[in-house]
ModelCIF file with pLDDT and N, C-alpha, C, O atoms, coordinates in Angstrom:
data_MODEL
#
_entry.id   MODEL 
#
_entity.id                         1 
_entity.type                       polymer 
_entity.pdbx_number_of_molecules   1 
#
_entity_poly.entity_id                      1 
_entity_poly.type                           'polypeptide(L)' 
_entity_poly.nstd_linkage                   no 
_entity_poly.nstd_monomer                   no 
_entity_poly.pdbx_seq_one_letter_code       SPYFAGRSGAPALLADQVGATNVYSDLQDDWEAVGWETVVDRDPSVLV 
_entity_poly.pdbx_seq_one_letter_code_can   SPYFAGRSGAPALLADQVGATNVYSDLQDDWEAVGWETVVDRDPSVLV 
_entity_poly.pdbx_strand_id                 A 
#
loop_
_entity_poly_seq.entity_id 
_entity_poly_seq.num 
_entity_poly_seq.mon_id 
_entity_poly_seq.hetero 
1 1  SER n 
1 2  PRO n 
1 3  TYR n 
1 4  PHE n 
1 5  ALA n 
1 6  GLY n 
1 7  ARG n 
1 8  SER n 
1 9  GLY n 
1 10 ALA n 
1 11 PRO n 
1 12 ALA n 
1 13 LEU n 
1 14 LEU n 
1 15 ALA n 
1 16 ASP n 
1 17 GLN n 
1 18 VAL n 
1 19 GLY n 
1 20 ALA n 
1 21 THR n 
1 22 ASN n 
1 23 VAL n 
1 24 TYR n 
1 25 SER n 
1 26 ASP n 
1 27 LEU n 
1 28 GLN n 
1 29 ASP n 
1 30 ASP n 
1 31 TRP n 
1 32 GLU n 
1 33 ALA n 
1 34 VAL n 
1 35 GLY n 
1 36 TRP n 
1 37 GLU n 
1 38 THR n 
1 39 VAL n 
1 40 VAL n 
1 41 ASP n 
1 42 ARG n 
1 43 ASP n 
1 44 PRO n 
1 45 SER n 
1 46 VAL n 
1 47 LEU n 
1 48 VAL n 
#
_struct_asym.id          A 
_struct_asym.entity_id   1 
#
loop_
_ma_qa_metric.id 
_ma_qa_metric.mode 
_ma_qa_metric.name 
_ma_qa_metric.software_group_id 
_ma_qa_metric.type 
1 global pLDDT . pLDDT 
2 local  pLDDT . pLDDT 
#
_ma_qa_metric_global.metric_id      1 
_ma_qa_metric_global.metric_value   94.92 
_ma_qa_metric_global.model_id       1 
_ma_qa_metric_global.ordinal_id     1 
#
loop_
_ma_qa_metric_local.label_asym_id 
_ma_qa_metric_local.label_comp_id 
_ma_qa_metric_local.label_seq_id 
_ma_qa_metric_local.metric_id 
_ma_qa_metric_local.metric_value 
_ma_qa_metric_local.model_id 
_ma_qa_metric_local.ordinal_id 
A SER 1  2 92.00 1 1  
A PRO 2  2 95.00 1 2  
A TYR 3  2 95.00 1 3  
A PHE 4  2 97.00 1 4  
A ALA 5  2 97.00 1 5  
A GLY 6  2 95.00 1 6  
A ARG 7  2 93.00 1 7  
A SER 8  2 93.00 1 8  
A GLY 9  2 95.00 1 9  
A ALA 10 2 96.00 1 10 
A PRO 11 2 96.00 1 11 
A ALA 12 2 95.00 1 12 
A LEU 13 2 96.00 1 13 
A LEU 14 2 96.00 1 14 
A ALA 15 2 95.00 1 15 
A ASP 16 2 93.00 1 16 
A GLN 17 2 93.00 1 17 
A VAL 18 2 93.00 1 18 
A GLY 19 2 91.00 1 19 
A ALA 20 2 93.00 1 20 
A THR 21 2 94.00 1 21 
A ASN 22 2 96.00 1 22 
A VAL 23 2 96.00 1 23 
A TYR 24 2 97.00 1 24 
A SER 25 2 94.00 1 25 
A ASP 26 2 94.00 1 26 
A LEU 27 2 94.00 1 27 
A GLN 28 2 89.00 1 28 
A ASP 29 2 90.00 1 29 
A ASP 30 2 93.00 1 30 
A TRP 31 2 94.00 1 31 
A GLU 32 2 94.00 1 32 
A ALA 33 2 95.00 1 33 
A VAL 34 2 96.00 1 34 
A GLY 35 2 95.00 1 35 
A TRP 36 2 96.00 1 36 
A GLU 37 2 96.00 1 37 
A THR 38 2 96.00 1 38 
A VAL 39 2 97.00 1 39 
A VAL 40 2 97.00 1 40 
A ASP 41 2 97.00 1 41 
A ARG 42 2 96.00 1 42 
A ASP 43 2 95.00 1 43 
A PRO 44 2 97.00 1 44 
A SER 45 2 96.00 1 45 
A VAL 46 2 97.00 1 46 
A LEU 47 2 98.00 1 47 
A VAL 48 2 98.00 1 48 
#
loop_
_atom_site.group_PDB 
_atom_site.id 
_atom_site.type_symbol 
_atom_site.label_atom_id 
_atom_site.label_alt_id 
_atom_site.label_comp_id 
_atom_site.label_asym_id 
_atom_site.label_entity_id 
_atom_site.label_seq_id 
_atom_site.pdbx_PDB_ins_code 
_atom_site.Cartn_x 
_atom_site.Cartn_y 
_atom_site.Cartn_z 
_atom_site.occupancy 
_atom_site.B_iso_or_equiv 
_atom_site.pdbx_formal_charge 
_atom_site.auth_seq_id 
_atom_site.auth_comp_id 
_atom_site.auth_asym_id 
_atom_site.auth_atom_id 
_atom_site.pdbx_PDB_model_num 
ATOM 1   N N  . SER A 1 1  ? 55.317 -67.485 1.791  1.00 92.00 ? 1  SER A N  1 
ATOM 2   C CA . SER A 1 1  ? 55.080 -66.432 2.752  1.00 92.00 ? 1  SER A CA 1 
ATOM 3   C C  . SER A 1 1  ? 56.969 -66.288 3.444  1.00 92.00 ? 1  SER A C  1 
ATOM 4   O O  . SER A 1 1  ? 57.460 -66.653 4.512  1.00 92.00 ? 1  SER A O  1 
ATOM 5   N N  . PRO A 1 2  ? 57.377 -65.816 2.617  1.00 95.00 ? 2  PRO A N  1 
ATOM 6   C CA . PRO A 1 2  ? 59.238 -65.998 3.061  1.00 95.00 ? 2  PRO A CA 1 
ATOM 7   C C  . PRO A 1 2  ? 59.101 -65.282 4.699  1.00 95.00 ? 2  PRO A C  1 
ATOM 8   O O  . PRO A 1 2  ? 58.278 -64.464 5.110  1.00 95.00 ? 2  PRO A O  1 
ATOM 9   N N  . TYR A 1 3  ? 60.285 -65.967 5.434  1.00 95.00 ? 3  TYR A N  1 
ATOM 10  C CA . TYR A 1 3  ? 60.638 -65.059 6.176  1.00 95.00 ? 3  TYR A CA 1 
ATOM 11  C C  . TYR A 1 3  ? 62.072 -64.691 6.560  1.00 95.00 ? 3  TYR A C  1 
ATOM 12  O O  . TYR A 1 3  ? 63.058 -65.387 6.800  1.00 95.00 ? 3  TYR A O  1 
ATOM 13  N N  . PHE A 1 4  ? 61.857 -63.307 6.540  1.00 97.00 ? 4  PHE A N  1 
ATOM 14  C CA . PHE A 1 4  ? 63.181 -62.349 6.660  1.00 97.00 ? 4  PHE A CA 1 
ATOM 15  C C  . PHE A 1 4  ? 63.413 -61.492 7.745  1.00 97.00 ? 4  PHE A C  1 
ATOM 16  O O  . PHE A 1 4  ? 62.385 -61.182 8.348  1.00 97.00 ? 4  PHE A O  1 
ATOM 17  N N  . ALA A 1 5  ? 64.369 -61.057 8.135  1.00 97.00 ? 5  ALA A N  1 
ATOM 18  C CA . ALA A 1 5  ? 65.049 -61.094 9.614  1.00 97.00 ? 5  ALA A CA 1 
ATOM 19  C C  . ALA A 1 5  ? 64.906 -59.568 9.592  1.00 97.00 ? 5  ALA A C  1 
ATOM 20  O O  . ALA A 1 5  ? 65.298 -58.880 8.650  1.00 97.00 ? 5  ALA A O  1 
ATOM 21  N N  . GLY A 1 6  ? 64.207 -58.993 10.904 1.00 95.00 ? 6  GLY A N  1 
ATOM 22  C CA . GLY A 1 6  ? 63.689 -57.921 11.241 1.00 95.00 ? 6  GLY A CA 1 
ATOM 23  C C  . GLY A 1 6  ? 65.259 -57.039 11.716 1.00 95.00 ? 6  GLY A C  1 
ATOM 24  O O  . GLY A 1 6  ? 66.386 -57.312 11.302 1.00 95.00 ? 6  GLY A O  1 
ATOM 25  N N  . ARG A 1 7  ? 64.911 -56.048 12.598 1.00 93.00 ? 7  ARG A N  1 
ATOM 26  C CA . ARG A 1 7  ? 66.077 -54.973 13.167 1.00 93.00 ? 7  ARG A CA 1 
ATOM 27  C C  . ARG A 1 7  ? 66.544 -55.690 14.610 1.00 93.00 ? 7  ARG A C  1 
ATOM 28  O O  . ARG A 1 7  ? 67.611 -55.188 14.964 1.00 93.00 ? 7  ARG A O  1 
ATOM 29  N N  . SER A 1 8  ? 66.202 -56.427 15.289 1.00 93.00 ? 8  SER A N  1 
ATOM 30  C CA . SER A 1 8  ? 66.848 -56.726 16.772 1.00 93.00 ? 8  SER A CA 1 
ATOM 31  C C  . SER A 1 8  ? 67.297 -58.165 17.128 1.00 93.00 ? 8  SER A C  1 
ATOM 32  O O  . SER A 1 8  ? 67.731 -58.399 18.256 1.00 93.00 ? 8  SER A O  1 
ATOM 33  N N  . GLY A 1 9  ? 67.188 -59.270 16.051 1.00 95.00 ? 9  GLY A N  1 
ATOM 34  C CA . GLY A 1 9  ? 67.475 -60.462 16.154 1.00 95.00 ? 9  GLY A CA 1 
ATOM 35  C C  . GLY A 1 9  ? 68.932 -60.630 16.077 1.00 95.00 ? 9  GLY A C  1 
ATOM 36  O O  . GLY A 1 9  ? 69.729 -59.707 16.245 1.00 95.00 ? 9  GLY A O  1 
ATOM 37  N N  . ALA A 1 10 ? 69.293 -62.019 15.780 1.00 96.00 ? 10 ALA A N  1 
ATOM 38  C CA . ALA A 1 10 ? 70.620 -62.474 15.692 1.00 96.00 ? 10 ALA A CA 1 
ATOM 39  C C  . ALA A 1 10 ? 71.030 -61.796 14.190 1.00 96.00 ? 10 ALA A C  1 
ATOM 40  O O  . ALA A 1 10 ? 71.841 -60.871 14.226 1.00 96.00 ? 10 ALA A O  1 
ATOM 41  N N  . PRO A 1 11 ? 70.572 -62.165 13.045 1.00 96.00 ? 11 PRO A N  1 
ATOM 42  C CA . PRO A 1 11 ? 70.769 -61.321 11.787 1.00 96.00 ? 11 PRO A CA 1 
ATOM 43  C C  . PRO A 1 11 ? 71.164 -60.236 11.626 1.00 96.00 ? 11 PRO A C  1 
ATOM 44  O O  . PRO A 1 11 ? 72.102 -59.988 10.868 1.00 96.00 ? 11 PRO A O  1 
ATOM 45  N N  . ALA A 1 12 ? 70.345 -59.088 12.506 1.00 95.00 ? 12 ALA A N  1 
ATOM 46  C CA . ALA A 1 12 ? 70.628 -57.735 12.498 1.00 95.00 ? 12 ALA A CA 1 
ATOM 47  C C  . ALA A 1 12 ? 71.967 -57.552 13.557 1.00 95.00 ? 12 ALA A C  1 
ATOM 48  O O  . ALA A 1 12 ? 72.710 -56.573 13.618 1.00 95.00 ? 12 ALA A O  1 
ATOM 49  N N  . LEU A 1 13 ? 72.014 -58.429 14.126 1.00 96.00 ? 13 LEU A N  1 
ATOM 50  C CA . LEU A 1 13 ? 73.604 -58.222 15.041 1.00 96.00 ? 13 LEU A CA 1 
ATOM 51  C C  . LEU A 1 13 ? 74.668 -58.620 14.126 1.00 96.00 ? 13 LEU A C  1 
ATOM 52  O O  . LEU A 1 13 ? 75.753 -58.038 14.126 1.00 96.00 ? 13 LEU A O  1 
ATOM 53  N N  . LEU A 1 14 ? 74.344 -59.776 13.195 1.00 96.00 ? 14 LEU A N  1 
ATOM 54  C CA . LEU A 1 14 ? 75.376 -60.107 12.193 1.00 96.00 ? 14 LEU A CA 1 
ATOM 55  C C  . LEU A 1 14 ? 75.898 -59.016 11.216 1.00 96.00 ? 14 LEU A C  1 
ATOM 56  O O  . LEU A 1 14 ? 77.058 -58.800 10.866 1.00 96.00 ? 14 LEU A O  1 
ATOM 57  N N  . ALA A 1 15 ? 74.781 -58.400 10.876 1.00 95.00 ? 15 ALA A N  1 
ATOM 58  C CA . ALA A 1 15 ? 74.956 -57.277 9.921  1.00 95.00 ? 15 ALA A CA 1 
ATOM 59  C C  . ALA A 1 15 ? 75.660 -56.262 10.479 1.00 95.00 ? 15 ALA A C  1 
ATOM 60  O O  . ALA A 1 15 ? 76.622 -55.722 9.933  1.00 95.00 ? 15 ALA A O  1 
ATOM 61  N N  . ASP A 1 16 ? 75.101 -55.899 11.839 1.00 93.00 ? 16 ASP A N  1 
ATOM 62  C CA . ASP A 1 16 ? 76.074 -55.061 12.379 1.00 93.00 ? 16 ASP A CA 1 
ATOM 63  C C  . ASP A 1 16 ? 77.375 -55.248 12.219 1.00 93.00 ? 16 ASP A C  1 
ATOM 64  O O  . ASP A 1 16 ? 78.063 -54.407 11.640 1.00 93.00 ? 16 ASP A O  1 
ATOM 65  N N  . GLN A 1 17 ? 77.981 -56.618 12.817 1.00 93.00 ? 17 GLN A N  1 
ATOM 66  C CA . GLN A 1 17 ? 79.386 -56.923 13.052 1.00 93.00 ? 17 GLN A CA 1 
ATOM 67  C C  . GLN A 1 17 ? 80.343 -56.879 11.920 1.00 93.00 ? 17 GLN A C  1 
ATOM 68  O O  . GLN A 1 17 ? 81.532 -56.595 12.063 1.00 93.00 ? 17 GLN A O  1 
ATOM 69  N N  . VAL A 1 18 ? 79.545 -57.293 10.317 1.00 93.00 ? 18 VAL A N  1 
ATOM 70  C CA . VAL A 1 18 ? 80.073 -57.109 9.551  1.00 93.00 ? 18 VAL A CA 1 
ATOM 71  C C  . VAL A 1 18 ? 79.912 -56.066 8.563  1.00 93.00 ? 18 VAL A C  1 
ATOM 72  O O  . VAL A 1 18 ? 80.190 -56.245 7.377  1.00 93.00 ? 18 VAL A O  1 
ATOM 73  N N  . GLY A 1 19 ? 79.354 -54.697 9.151  1.00 91.00 ? 19 GLY A N  1 
ATOM 74  C CA . GLY A 1 19 ? 79.428 -53.498 8.673  1.00 91.00 ? 19 GLY A CA 1 
ATOM 75  C C  . GLY A 1 19 ? 78.301 -53.435 7.263  1.00 91.00 ? 19 GLY A C  1 
ATOM 76  O O  . GLY A 1 19 ? 78.469 -52.699 6.290  1.00 91.00 ? 19 GLY A O  1 
ATOM 77  N N  . ALA A 1 20 ? 77.387 -54.197 7.411  1.00 93.00 ? 20 ALA A N  1 
ATOM 78  C CA . ALA A 1 20 ? 76.445 -54.321 6.367  1.00 93.00 ? 20 ALA A CA 1 
ATOM 79  C C  . ALA A 1 20 ? 74.956 -53.763 6.700  1.00 93.00 ? 20 ALA A C  1 
ATOM 80  O O  . ALA A 1 20 ? 74.614 -53.728 7.882  1.00 93.00 ? 20 ALA A O  1 
ATOM 81  N N  . THR A 1 21 ? 74.110 -53.349 5.741  1.00 94.00 ? 21 THR A N  1 
ATOM 82  C CA . THR A 1 21 ? 72.769 -52.789 6.381  1.00 94.00 ? 21 THR A CA 1 
ATOM 83  C C  . THR A 1 21 ? 71.790 -53.673 6.078  1.00 94.00 ? 21 THR A C  1 
ATOM 84  O O  . THR A 1 21 ? 71.536 -53.827 4.884  1.00 94.00 ? 21 THR A O  1 
ATOM 85  N N  . ASN A 1 22 ? 71.041 -54.432 7.072  1.00 96.00 ? 22 ASN A N  1 
ATOM 86  C CA . ASN A 1 22 ? 69.884 -55.067 6.705  1.00 96.00 ? 22 ASN A CA 1 
ATOM 87  C C  . ASN A 1 22 ? 68.514 -54.466 6.104  1.00 96.00 ? 22 ASN A C  1 
ATOM 88  O O  . ASN A 1 22 ? 67.689 -53.827 6.758  1.00 96.00 ? 22 ASN A O  1 
ATOM 89  N N  . VAL A 1 23 ? 68.450 -54.705 5.093  1.00 96.00 ? 23 VAL A N  1 
ATOM 90  C CA . VAL A 1 23 ? 67.164 -53.703 4.274  1.00 96.00 ? 23 VAL A CA 1 
ATOM 91  C C  . VAL A 1 23 ? 65.660 -53.985 4.689  1.00 96.00 ? 23 VAL A C  1 
ATOM 92  O O  . VAL A 1 23 ? 64.674 -53.534 4.106  1.00 96.00 ? 23 VAL A O  1 
ATOM 93  N N  . TYR A 1 24 ? 65.661 -54.835 5.831  1.00 97.00 ? 24 TYR A N  1 
ATOM 94  C CA . TYR A 1 24 ? 64.311 -54.867 6.552  1.00 97.00 ? 24 TYR A CA 1 
ATOM 95  C C  . TYR A 1 24 ? 64.632 -54.234 8.132  1.00 97.00 ? 24 TYR A C  1 
ATOM 96  O O  . TYR A 1 24 ? 63.966 -54.692 9.061  1.00 97.00 ? 24 TYR A O  1 
ATOM 97  N N  . SER A 1 25 ? 65.509 -53.336 8.368  1.00 94.00 ? 25 SER A N  1 
ATOM 98  C CA . SER A 1 25 ? 65.957 -52.915 9.816  1.00 94.00 ? 25 SER A CA 1 
ATOM 99  C C  . SER A 1 25 ? 64.916 -52.131 10.321 1.00 94.00 ? 25 SER A C  1 
ATOM 100 O O  . SER A 1 25 ? 65.209 -51.671 11.424 1.00 94.00 ? 25 SER A O  1 
ATOM 101 N N  . ASP A 1 26 ? 63.454 -51.707 9.792  1.00 94.00 ? 26 ASP A N  1 
ATOM 102 C CA . ASP A 1 26 ? 62.427 -51.439 10.107 1.00 94.00 ? 26 ASP A CA 1 
ATOM 103 C C  . ASP A 1 26 ? 61.351 -52.250 10.549 1.00 94.00 ? 26 ASP A C  1 
ATOM 104 O O  . ASP A 1 26 ? 60.352 -51.733 11.049 1.00 94.00 ? 26 ASP A O  1 
ATOM 105 N N  . LEU A 1 27 ? 61.471 -53.530 10.404 1.00 94.00 ? 27 LEU A N  1 
ATOM 106 C CA . LEU A 1 27 ? 60.735 -54.649 10.911 1.00 94.00 ? 27 LEU A CA 1 
ATOM 107 C C  . LEU A 1 27 ? 61.124 -54.916 12.538 1.00 94.00 ? 27 LEU A C  1 
ATOM 108 O O  . LEU A 1 27 ? 62.294 -55.059 12.893 1.00 94.00 ? 27 LEU A O  1 
ATOM 109 N N  . GLN A 1 28 ? 60.073 -54.959 13.399 1.00 89.00 ? 28 GLN A N  1 
ATOM 110 C CA . GLN A 1 28 ? 60.602 -55.038 14.606 1.00 89.00 ? 28 GLN A CA 1 
ATOM 111 C C  . GLN A 1 28 ? 60.817 -56.575 15.211 1.00 89.00 ? 28 GLN A C  1 
ATOM 112 O O  . GLN A 1 28 ? 61.655 -56.794 16.086 1.00 89.00 ? 28 GLN A O  1 
ATOM 113 N N  . ASP A 1 29 ? 59.961 -57.621 14.645 1.00 90.00 ? 29 ASP A N  1 
ATOM 114 C CA . ASP A 1 29 ? 60.353 -59.048 15.002 1.00 90.00 ? 29 ASP A CA 1 
ATOM 115 C C  . ASP A 1 29 ? 61.799 -59.338 14.584 1.00 90.00 ? 29 ASP A C  1 
ATOM 116 O O  . ASP A 1 29 ? 62.552 -58.641 13.904 1.00 90.00 ? 29 ASP A O  1 
ATOM 117 N N  . ASP A 1 30 ? 62.010 -60.554 15.160 1.00 93.00 ? 30 ASP A N  1 
ATOM 118 C CA . ASP A 1 30 ? 63.261 -61.173 14.833 1.00 93.00 ? 30 ASP A CA 1 
ATOM 119 C C  . ASP A 1 30 ? 63.107 -61.750 13.521 1.00 93.00 ? 30 ASP A C  1 
ATOM 120 O O  . ASP A 1 30 ? 63.993 -61.503 12.703 1.00 93.00 ? 30 ASP A O  1 
ATOM 121 N N  . TRP A 1 31 ? 62.003 -62.576 13.131 1.00 94.00 ? 31 TRP A N  1 
ATOM 122 C CA . TRP A 1 31 ? 61.711 -62.742 11.778 1.00 94.00 ? 31 TRP A CA 1 
ATOM 123 C C  . TRP A 1 31 ? 60.316 -62.640 11.532 1.00 94.00 ? 31 TRP A C  1 
ATOM 124 O O  . TRP A 1 31 ? 59.497 -63.033 12.363 1.00 94.00 ? 31 TRP A O  1 
ATOM 125 N N  . GLU A 1 32 ? 59.887 -61.968 10.075 1.00 94.00 ? 32 GLU A N  1 
ATOM 126 C CA . GLU A 1 32 ? 58.475 -61.767 9.830  1.00 94.00 ? 32 GLU A CA 1 
ATOM 127 C C  . GLU A 1 32 ? 58.173 -62.218 8.338  1.00 94.00 ? 32 GLU A C  1 
ATOM 128 O O  . GLU A 1 32 ? 58.954 -62.226 7.386  1.00 94.00 ? 32 GLU A O  1 
ATOM 129 N N  . ALA A 1 33 ? 56.860 -62.584 8.381  1.00 95.00 ? 33 ALA A N  1 
ATOM 130 C CA . ALA A 1 33 ? 56.789 -63.368 6.988  1.00 95.00 ? 33 ALA A CA 1 
ATOM 131 C C  . ALA A 1 33 ? 56.416 -61.757 6.118  1.00 95.00 ? 33 ALA A C  1 
ATOM 132 O O  . ALA A 1 33 ? 55.780 -60.797 6.552  1.00 95.00 ? 33 ALA A O  1 
ATOM 133 N N  . VAL A 1 34 ? 56.956 -61.905 5.035  1.00 96.00 ? 34 VAL A N  1 
ATOM 134 C CA . VAL A 1 34 ? 57.030 -60.580 3.997  1.00 96.00 ? 34 VAL A CA 1 
ATOM 135 C C  . VAL A 1 34 ? 56.366 -60.837 2.471  1.00 96.00 ? 34 VAL A C  1 
ATOM 136 O O  . VAL A 1 34 ? 55.991 -61.998 2.304  1.00 96.00 ? 34 VAL A O  1 
ATOM 137 N N  . GLY A 1 35 ? 56.241 -60.270 1.764  1.00 95.00 ? 35 GLY A N  1 
ATOM 138 C CA . GLY A 1 35 ? 55.727 -60.815 0.484  1.00 95.00 ? 35 GLY A CA 1 
ATOM 139 C C  . GLY A 1 35 ? 56.820 -60.264 -0.601 1.00 95.00 ? 35 GLY A C  1 
ATOM 140 O O  . GLY A 1 35 ? 57.233 -59.104 -0.573 1.00 95.00 ? 35 GLY A O  1 
ATOM 141 N N  . TRP A 1 36 ? 57.247 -61.259 -1.584 1.00 96.00 ? 36 TRP A N  1 
ATOM 142 C CA . TRP A 1 36 ? 58.340 -60.942 -2.494 1.00 96.00 ? 36 TRP A CA 1 
ATOM 143 C C  . TRP A 1 36 ? 58.405 -59.746 -3.312 1.00 96.00 ? 36 TRP A C  1 
ATOM 144 O O  . TRP A 1 36 ? 59.416 -59.451 -3.949 1.00 96.00 ? 36 TRP A O  1 
ATOM 145 N N  . GLU A 1 37 ? 57.251 -58.990 -3.304 1.00 96.00 ? 37 GLU A N  1 
ATOM 146 C CA . GLU A 1 37 ? 57.278 -57.624 -4.118 1.00 96.00 ? 37 GLU A CA 1 
ATOM 147 C C  . GLU A 1 37 ? 57.962 -56.574 -3.315 1.00 96.00 ? 37 GLU A C  1 
ATOM 148 O O  . GLU A 1 37 ? 58.493 -55.622 -3.887 1.00 96.00 ? 37 GLU A O  1 
ATOM 149 N N  . THR A 1 38 ? 57.983 -56.725 -1.686 1.00 96.00 ? 38 THR A N  1 
ATOM 150 C CA . THR A 1 38 ? 58.603 -55.606 -1.012 1.00 96.00 ? 38 THR A CA 1 
ATOM 151 C C  . THR A 1 38 ? 60.236 -56.293 -1.096 1.00 96.00 ? 38 THR A C  1 
ATOM 152 O O  . THR A 1 38 ? 61.167 -55.489 -1.043 1.00 96.00 ? 38 THR A O  1 
ATOM 153 N N  . VAL A 1 39 ? 60.489 -57.482 -1.200 1.00 97.00 ? 39 VAL A N  1 
ATOM 154 C CA . VAL A 1 39 ? 62.146 -57.743 -1.027 1.00 97.00 ? 39 VAL A CA 1 
ATOM 155 C C  . VAL A 1 39 ? 62.454 -57.259 -2.221 1.00 97.00 ? 39 VAL A C  1 
ATOM 156 O O  . VAL A 1 39 ? 63.488 -56.591 -2.185 1.00 97.00 ? 39 VAL A O  1 
ATOM 157 N N  . VAL A 1 40 ? 61.742 -57.370 -3.723 1.00 97.00 ? 40 VAL A N  1 
ATOM 158 C CA . VAL A 1 40 ? 62.213 -56.841 -4.837 1.00 97.00 ? 40 VAL A CA 1 
ATOM 159 C C  . VAL A 1 40 ? 62.543 -55.178 -4.825 1.00 97.00 ? 40 VAL A C  1 
ATOM 160 O O  . VAL A 1 40 ? 63.584 -54.683 -5.258 1.00 97.00 ? 40 VAL A O  1 
ATOM 161 N N  . ASP A 1 41 ? 61.630 -54.578 -4.344 1.00 97.00 ? 41 ASP A N  1 
ATOM 162 C CA . ASP A 1 41 ? 61.393 -53.032 -3.931 1.00 97.00 ? 41 ASP A CA 1 
ATOM 163 C C  . ASP A 1 41 ? 62.507 -52.766 -3.211 1.00 97.00 ? 41 ASP A C  1 
ATOM 164 O O  . ASP A 1 41 ? 63.072 -51.732 -3.567 1.00 97.00 ? 41 ASP A O  1 
ATOM 165 N N  . ARG A 1 42 ? 63.059 -53.407 -2.235 1.00 96.00 ? 42 ARG A N  1 
ATOM 166 C CA . ARG A 1 42 ? 64.083 -52.820 -1.734 1.00 96.00 ? 42 ARG A CA 1 
ATOM 167 C C  . ARG A 1 42 ? 65.427 -53.092 -1.876 1.00 96.00 ? 42 ARG A C  1 
ATOM 168 O O  . ARG A 1 42 ? 66.333 -52.537 -1.255 1.00 96.00 ? 42 ARG A O  1 
ATOM 169 N N  . ASP A 1 43 ? 65.569 -54.198 -2.937 1.00 95.00 ? 43 ASP A N  1 
ATOM 170 C CA . ASP A 1 43 ? 66.604 -54.497 -3.862 1.00 95.00 ? 43 ASP A CA 1 
ATOM 171 C C  . ASP A 1 43 ? 67.894 -55.009 -2.973 1.00 95.00 ? 43 ASP A C  1 
ATOM 172 O O  . ASP A 1 43 ? 68.842 -54.530 -3.595 1.00 95.00 ? 43 ASP A O  1 
ATOM 173 N N  . PRO A 1 44 ? 68.200 -55.419 -2.332 1.00 97.00 ? 44 PRO A N  1 
ATOM 174 C CA . PRO A 1 44 ? 69.405 -55.848 -1.224 1.00 97.00 ? 44 PRO A CA 1 
ATOM 175 C C  . PRO A 1 44 ? 70.344 -56.593 -2.349 1.00 97.00 ? 44 PRO A C  1 
ATOM 176 O O  . PRO A 1 44 ? 70.062 -57.521 -3.107 1.00 97.00 ? 44 PRO A O  1 
ATOM 177 N N  . SER A 1 45 ? 71.770 -55.723 -2.154 1.00 96.00 ? 45 SER A N  1 
ATOM 178 C CA . SER A 1 45 ? 72.673 -56.311 -2.995 1.00 96.00 ? 45 SER A CA 1 
ATOM 179 C C  . SER A 1 45 ? 72.887 -57.637 -2.785 1.00 96.00 ? 45 SER A C  1 
ATOM 180 O O  . SER A 1 45 ? 73.089 -58.340 -3.776 1.00 96.00 ? 45 SER A O  1 
ATOM 181 N N  . VAL A 1 46 ? 72.886 -58.176 -1.587 1.00 97.00 ? 46 VAL A N  1 
ATOM 182 C CA . VAL A 1 46 ? 73.431 -59.627 -1.262 1.00 97.00 ? 46 VAL A CA 1 
ATOM 183 C C  . VAL A 1 46 ? 72.152 -60.290 -0.615 1.00 97.00 ? 46 VAL A C  1 
ATOM 184 O O  . VAL A 1 46 ? 71.332 -59.710 0.096  1.00 97.00 ? 46 VAL A O  1 
ATOM 185 N N  . LEU A 1 47 ? 72.138 -61.576 -0.984 1.00 98.00 ? 47 LEU A N  1 
ATOM 186 C CA . LEU A 1 47 ? 70.809 -62.370 -0.265 1.00 98.00 ? 47 LEU A CA 1 
ATOM 187 C C  . LEU A 1 47 ? 71.798 -63.378 0.450  1.00 98.00 ? 47 LEU A C  1 
ATOM 188 O O  . LEU A 1 47 ? 72.840 -63.897 0.050  1.00 98.00 ? 47 LEU A O  1 
ATOM 189 N N  . VAL A 1 48 ? 70.972 -63.494 1.889  1.00 98.00 ? 48 VAL A N  1 
ATOM 190 C CA . VAL A 1 48 ? 71.696 -64.496 2.734  1.00 98.00 ? 48 VAL A CA 1 
ATOM 191 C C  . VAL A 1 48 ? 70.849 -65.624 3.140  1.00 98.00 ? 48 VAL A C  1 
ATOM 192 O O  . VAL A 1 48 ? 71.314 -66.525 3.839  1.00 98.00 ? 48 VAL A O  1 
#
């Protein structure tokens, strides 16, 4: 149940600082458990 970063915590701040887009910017919590199918569907160009 992988934990990926949402829109308002530290990783969101990092993404903004480096001019990148967080593919989970619609998630409210700092970290949320997601399904791998959603990660594949959102197809990030880089995985941190």
